[in-house]
N, C-alpha and C. Protein backbone atom coordinates (compact mmCIF):
# COMPACT_ATOMS: atom_id res chain seq x y z
N UNK A 1 21.59 10.22 -13.11
CA UNK A 1 21.96 9.67 -14.34
C UNK A 1 22.37 8.30 -14.19
N UNK A 2 21.83 7.76 -13.26
CA UNK A 2 22.19 6.42 -13.18
C UNK A 2 21.33 5.87 -13.55
N UNK A 3 19.79 6.36 -13.42
CA UNK A 3 18.61 6.16 -13.50
C UNK A 3 17.98 6.73 -15.10
N UNK A 4 18.54 7.19 -15.67
CA UNK A 4 18.09 7.72 -16.77
C UNK A 4 17.59 7.04 -17.54
N UNK A 5 17.65 5.41 -18.26
CA UNK A 5 17.16 4.49 -18.85
C UNK A 5 15.72 4.25 -18.50
N UNK A 6 15.82 4.11 -16.77
CA UNK A 6 14.31 3.58 -16.28
C UNK A 6 13.92 4.66 -16.16
N UNK A 7 13.93 5.82 -16.06
CA UNK A 7 13.07 7.30 -16.07
C UNK A 7 12.50 6.76 -17.43
N UNK A 8 13.39 7.08 -18.58
CA UNK A 8 12.53 7.57 -20.02
C UNK A 8 12.73 6.17 -20.64
N UNK A 9 11.80 4.96 -19.87
CA UNK A 9 11.62 4.00 -20.16
C UNK A 9 10.29 4.35 -21.31
N UNK A 10 9.09 4.98 -20.63
CA UNK A 10 7.69 5.10 -21.04
C UNK A 10 8.18 5.60 -22.37
N UNK A 11 9.36 6.38 -22.75
CA UNK A 11 8.74 7.16 -24.45
C UNK A 11 8.80 6.36 -25.20
N UNK A 12 9.68 4.74 -25.08
CA UNK A 12 9.86 3.83 -26.46
C UNK A 12 8.55 3.01 -26.09
N UNK A 13 8.21 2.96 -24.96
CA UNK A 13 6.90 1.89 -24.70
C UNK A 13 5.79 2.82 -24.60
N UNK A 14 4.99 2.99 -25.60
CA UNK A 14 3.41 3.86 -25.71
C UNK A 14 2.79 2.81 -24.28
N UNK A 15 2.67 1.63 -23.93
CA UNK A 15 1.96 1.34 -22.96
C UNK A 15 2.55 1.88 -21.66
N UNK A 16 3.00 2.09 -21.15
CA UNK A 16 3.95 3.17 -19.88
C UNK A 16 3.44 4.24 -19.87
N UNK A 17 3.33 4.19 -18.31
CA UNK A 17 2.00 5.83 -18.44
C UNK A 17 3.73 6.40 -17.06
N UNK A 18 4.19 7.80 -17.36
CA UNK A 18 4.55 8.81 -17.13
C UNK A 18 5.00 8.74 -15.46
N UNK A 19 3.95 8.42 -14.98
CA UNK A 19 3.17 8.19 -13.56
C UNK A 19 2.81 7.43 -12.87
N UNK A 20 2.11 7.25 -11.70
CA UNK A 20 1.17 6.36 -11.30
C UNK A 20 0.04 6.49 -10.64
N UNK A 21 -0.42 7.88 -11.50
CA UNK A 21 -1.73 8.32 -10.72
C UNK A 21 -2.91 7.05 -11.02
N UNK A 22 -3.01 6.17 -12.47
CA UNK A 22 -3.81 5.49 -12.27
C UNK A 22 -4.19 4.72 -11.25
N UNK A 23 -2.83 3.90 -10.99
CA UNK A 23 -2.50 3.35 -9.90
C UNK A 23 -3.24 3.86 -8.64
N UNK A 24 -2.67 5.08 -7.96
CA UNK A 24 -2.84 5.47 -6.67
C UNK A 24 -4.85 5.72 -7.21
N UNK A 25 -5.23 6.08 -8.82
CA UNK A 25 -6.50 6.61 -8.23
C UNK A 25 -7.29 4.92 -7.86
N UNK A 26 -7.30 3.87 -8.60
CA UNK A 26 -8.04 2.46 -8.18
C UNK A 26 -7.47 2.15 -6.88
N UNK A 27 -6.30 2.65 -6.71
CA UNK A 27 -6.52 2.56 -4.77
C UNK A 27 -7.35 3.06 -3.67
N UNK A 28 -7.63 3.96 -4.44
CA UNK A 28 -8.29 5.18 -3.49
C UNK A 28 -9.46 4.51 -3.05
N UNK A 29 -10.43 3.65 -3.24
CA UNK A 29 -11.41 2.93 -2.95
C UNK A 29 -10.70 2.52 -1.84
N UNK A 30 -9.81 1.64 -2.11
CA UNK A 30 -9.46 0.73 -0.62
C UNK A 30 -8.82 1.45 0.36
N UNK A 31 -8.28 2.98 0.36
CA UNK A 31 -7.34 3.63 1.44
C UNK A 31 -8.99 4.60 1.96
N UNK A 32 -9.79 4.58 1.16
CA UNK A 32 -10.84 5.71 1.83
C UNK A 32 -11.52 4.57 2.69
N UNK A 33 -11.50 2.93 2.60
CA UNK A 33 -12.38 2.46 3.33
C UNK A 33 -11.47 1.95 4.64
N UNK A 34 -10.46 2.00 4.62
CA UNK A 34 -9.14 2.02 5.73
C UNK A 34 -9.98 1.72 7.43
N UNK A 35 -10.51 2.73 7.31
CA UNK A 35 -10.76 2.37 8.70
C UNK A 35 -11.90 1.51 9.33
N UNK A 36 -12.65 1.16 8.24
CA UNK A 36 -13.65 -0.04 7.95
C UNK A 36 -13.13 -1.56 8.26
N UNK A 37 -11.59 -1.76 7.58
CA UNK A 37 -11.19 -3.03 8.25
C UNK A 37 -10.89 -3.13 9.43
N UNK A 38 -10.84 -2.05 10.42
CA UNK A 38 -10.65 -2.27 11.89
C UNK A 38 -11.48 -3.12 12.17
N UNK A 39 -12.89 -3.67 11.36
CA UNK A 39 -13.98 -4.43 12.01
C UNK A 39 -14.21 -5.61 11.56
N UNK A 40 -13.08 -5.91 10.42
CA UNK A 40 -13.47 -7.44 9.99
C UNK A 40 -13.14 -8.38 10.60
N UNK A 41 -12.50 -8.61 11.81
CA UNK A 41 -13.12 -9.52 12.55
C UNK A 41 -11.58 -10.02 12.75
N UNK A 42 -10.77 -10.57 11.61
CA UNK A 42 -9.94 -11.25 12.19
C UNK A 42 -8.75 -11.16 10.56
N UNK A 43 -7.85 -11.76 10.50
CA UNK A 43 -6.83 -11.91 9.46
C UNK A 43 -7.64 -12.14 8.45
N UNK A 44 -8.26 -13.84 8.65
CA UNK A 44 -9.24 -14.53 7.62
C UNK A 44 -10.16 -13.49 7.33
N UNK A 45 -10.85 -12.72 8.20
CA UNK A 45 -11.70 -12.07 7.21
C UNK A 45 -11.02 -10.70 6.31
N UNK A 46 -9.89 -10.51 6.60
CA UNK A 46 -9.16 -9.37 6.31
C UNK A 46 -8.41 -9.81 4.67
N UNK A 47 -8.31 -11.56 5.05
CA UNK A 47 -7.84 -11.42 3.49
C UNK A 47 -8.56 -11.85 2.38
N UNK A 48 -9.99 -12.19 3.34
CA UNK A 48 -11.18 -12.38 2.07
C UNK A 48 -11.51 -11.33 1.61
N UNK A 49 -11.43 -9.85 2.73
CA UNK A 49 -11.84 -8.43 2.15
C UNK A 49 -11.06 -8.10 1.00
N UNK A 50 -9.94 -8.67 1.22
CA UNK A 50 -8.82 -8.47 -0.24
C UNK A 50 -9.19 -8.92 -1.39
N UNK A 51 -9.41 -10.25 -1.33
CA UNK A 51 -9.81 -11.25 -2.65
C UNK A 51 -10.90 -10.68 -3.03
N UNK A 52 -11.99 -10.03 -2.20
CA UNK A 52 -13.01 -9.78 -2.77
C UNK A 52 -12.85 -8.24 -3.79
N UNK A 53 -11.80 -7.48 -3.19
CA UNK A 53 -11.65 -6.10 -3.57
C UNK A 53 -10.59 -6.43 -4.97
N UNK A 54 -9.78 -7.56 -4.81
CA UNK A 54 -9.26 -7.80 -6.33
C UNK A 54 -9.81 -7.94 -7.06
N UNK A 55 -11.18 -9.10 -6.99
CA UNK A 55 -11.83 -9.38 -7.66
C UNK A 55 -12.65 -8.44 -8.47
N UNK A 56 -13.11 -7.63 -7.45
CA UNK A 56 -13.94 -6.35 -8.20
C UNK A 56 -13.52 -5.80 -8.52
N UNK A 57 -12.17 -4.91 -8.65
CA UNK A 57 -11.31 -4.76 -9.27
C UNK A 57 -10.58 -5.01 -10.58
N UNK A 58 -10.47 -6.30 -10.63
CA UNK A 58 -9.91 -6.82 -11.93
C UNK A 58 -11.20 -6.48 -12.98
N UNK A 59 -12.23 -7.12 -12.36
CA UNK A 59 -13.75 -6.84 -13.34
C UNK A 59 -14.04 -5.59 -13.90
N UNK A 60 -13.34 -4.66 -13.08
CA UNK A 60 -13.69 -3.05 -13.80
C UNK A 60 -12.24 -2.92 -14.21
N UNK A 61 -11.39 -2.91 -14.48
CA UNK A 61 -10.37 -2.57 -15.28
C UNK A 61 -10.36 -3.61 -16.57
N UNK A 62 -11.05 -4.90 -16.42
CA UNK A 62 -11.48 -5.46 -17.95
C UNK A 62 -13.06 -4.81 -18.48
N UNK A 63 -13.74 -4.29 -17.66
CA UNK A 63 -14.62 -3.29 -18.08
C UNK A 63 -16.09 -3.80 -17.85
N UNK A 64 -15.90 -4.80 -16.93
CA UNK A 64 -17.21 -5.57 -16.70
C UNK A 64 -17.75 -4.50 -15.37
N UNK A 65 -19.40 -4.82 -15.36
CA UNK A 65 -19.91 -4.43 -13.59
C UNK A 65 -19.66 -5.54 -13.32
N UNK A 66 -18.84 -5.52 -12.00
CA UNK A 66 -18.57 -5.88 -10.90
C UNK A 66 -19.79 -7.20 -10.68
N UNK A 67 -21.09 -6.50 -10.21
CA UNK A 67 -22.41 -7.33 -9.74
C UNK A 67 -22.77 -8.30 -10.92
N UNK A 68 -22.86 -7.91 -12.26
CA UNK A 68 -23.38 -8.87 -13.05
C UNK A 68 -22.43 -9.77 -13.35
N UNK A 69 -20.83 -9.75 -13.32
CA UNK A 69 -19.49 -10.52 -13.52
C UNK A 69 -19.34 -11.60 -12.30
N UNK A 70 -19.59 -11.04 -10.96
CA UNK A 70 -19.84 -12.10 -9.95
C UNK A 70 -21.28 -13.19 -9.74
N UNK A 71 -21.90 -12.44 -10.14
CA UNK A 71 -23.51 -13.07 -10.46
C UNK A 71 -23.01 -14.21 -11.54
N UNK A 72 -22.71 -13.88 -12.46
CA UNK A 72 -22.54 -14.76 -13.89
C UNK A 72 -21.43 -15.69 -13.24
N UNK A 73 -20.32 -15.70 -12.33
CA UNK A 73 -19.58 -16.48 -12.26
C UNK A 73 -19.75 -17.08 -11.28
N UNK A 74 -20.40 -16.85 -9.76
CA UNK A 74 -21.36 -17.44 -9.12
C UNK A 74 -22.35 -18.56 -10.16
N UNK A 75 -23.18 -18.00 -10.64
CA UNK A 75 -23.66 -18.61 -11.49
C UNK A 75 -23.57 -20.08 -11.97
N UNK A 76 -22.30 -20.14 -12.88
CA UNK A 76 -21.28 -21.20 -13.40
C UNK A 76 -20.84 -21.83 -12.45
N UNK A 77 -20.68 -21.58 -11.61
CA UNK A 77 -19.76 -22.59 -10.14
C UNK A 77 -20.84 -23.13 -9.66
N UNK A 78 -22.26 -22.72 -9.53
CA UNK A 78 -23.21 -23.55 -8.67
C UNK A 78 -23.65 -24.54 -9.66
N UNK A 79 -23.49 -24.28 -11.14
CA UNK A 79 -24.00 -25.30 -12.39
C UNK A 79 -23.19 -26.57 -12.18
N UNK A 80 -22.06 -26.16 -11.44
CA UNK A 80 -20.94 -27.50 -11.87
C UNK A 80 -20.00 -26.86 -13.04
N UNK A 81 -19.65 -25.81 -12.86
CA UNK A 81 -18.14 -25.42 -13.62
C UNK A 81 -16.96 -26.86 -13.46
N UNK A 82 -16.33 -27.25 -14.27
CA UNK A 82 -15.55 -28.00 -13.80
C UNK A 82 -13.90 -27.24 -13.39
N UNK A 83 -13.75 -27.55 -12.01
CA UNK A 83 -12.44 -27.20 -11.58
C UNK A 83 -10.90 -27.02 -12.34
N UNK A 84 -11.28 -27.83 -13.32
CA UNK A 84 -10.17 -27.84 -14.08
C UNK A 84 -10.02 -26.76 -15.30
N UNK A 85 -10.91 -26.26 -15.46
CA UNK A 85 -11.37 -24.85 -16.24
C UNK A 85 -11.73 -23.81 -15.92
N UNK A 86 -11.10 -23.63 -14.49
CA UNK A 86 -11.44 -22.18 -13.45
C UNK A 86 -10.94 -20.88 -14.26
N UNK A 87 -10.19 -21.11 -15.09
CA UNK A 87 -9.24 -20.18 -15.86
C UNK A 87 -10.68 -19.31 -17.05
N UNK A 88 -11.19 -19.69 -17.22
CA UNK A 88 -12.35 -19.23 -18.16
C UNK A 88 -13.32 -18.50 -17.47
N UNK A 89 -13.14 -18.75 -15.83
CA UNK A 89 -13.64 -17.67 -15.53
C UNK A 89 -13.06 -16.41 -14.99
N UNK A 90 -12.20 -16.29 -14.92
CA UNK A 90 -10.99 -14.69 -15.01
C UNK A 90 -11.40 -13.61 -15.65
N UNK A 91 -12.03 -12.87 -15.35
CA UNK A 91 -12.27 -11.71 -15.26
C UNK A 91 -12.04 -11.16 -17.22
N UNK A 92 -11.07 -11.50 -17.40
CA UNK A 92 -10.67 -11.17 -18.75
C UNK A 92 -10.89 -12.38 -19.91
N UNK A 93 -11.50 -13.56 -19.13
CA UNK A 93 -12.22 -14.64 -20.27
C UNK A 93 -13.57 -14.67 -20.01
N UNK A 94 -14.34 -14.04 -19.31
CA UNK A 94 -15.90 -14.28 -19.23
C UNK A 94 -16.85 -12.81 -19.22
N UNK A 95 -17.72 -13.15 -20.31
CA UNK A 95 -19.27 -12.09 -20.44
C UNK A 95 -20.14 -12.95 -20.31
N UNK A 96 -20.21 -11.88 -19.11
CA UNK A 96 -21.52 -12.28 -18.53
C UNK A 96 -22.88 -12.03 -19.40
N UNK A 97 -23.15 -13.60 -18.49
CA UNK A 97 -24.55 -14.05 -19.74
C UNK A 97 -25.68 -12.87 -19.82
N UNK A 98 -26.66 -12.54 -20.54
CA UNK A 98 -27.67 -11.79 -20.94
C UNK A 98 -28.52 -11.70 -20.05
N UNK A 99 -28.66 -12.72 -19.05
CA UNK A 99 -29.91 -12.44 -18.04
C UNK A 99 -29.12 -12.29 -16.85
N UNK A 100 -28.00 -12.02 -16.84
CA UNK A 100 -27.46 -11.57 -15.57
C UNK A 100 -26.66 -9.55 -15.80
N UNK A 101 -26.55 -9.43 -17.11
CA UNK A 101 -26.34 -8.21 -17.44
C UNK A 101 -27.28 -7.26 -16.71
N UNK A 102 -26.65 -5.94 -16.66
CA UNK A 102 -27.72 -4.90 -15.85
C UNK A 102 -28.55 -4.99 -16.98
């Protein structure tokens, strides 16, 4: 009974889920490839892999094709996108250009 408020919070806010199935489903891809992480070579390699997974999953959550999103971002960076406007390249702010969209 001490945690009743937290348990029933999802009833008051329709954005909340009663369970964490979505989170577990999204992490499944990482869990399936866990054995491959043994061969990343170093901690830096592991950090890089985690960064790439984060970017790809964020793109998916925002309804973007990860390959088209990465192509668009890398193209903009190669063309000299200003570093003080890097937030414009976040998955929820960028739309892949027609030339890079699948």
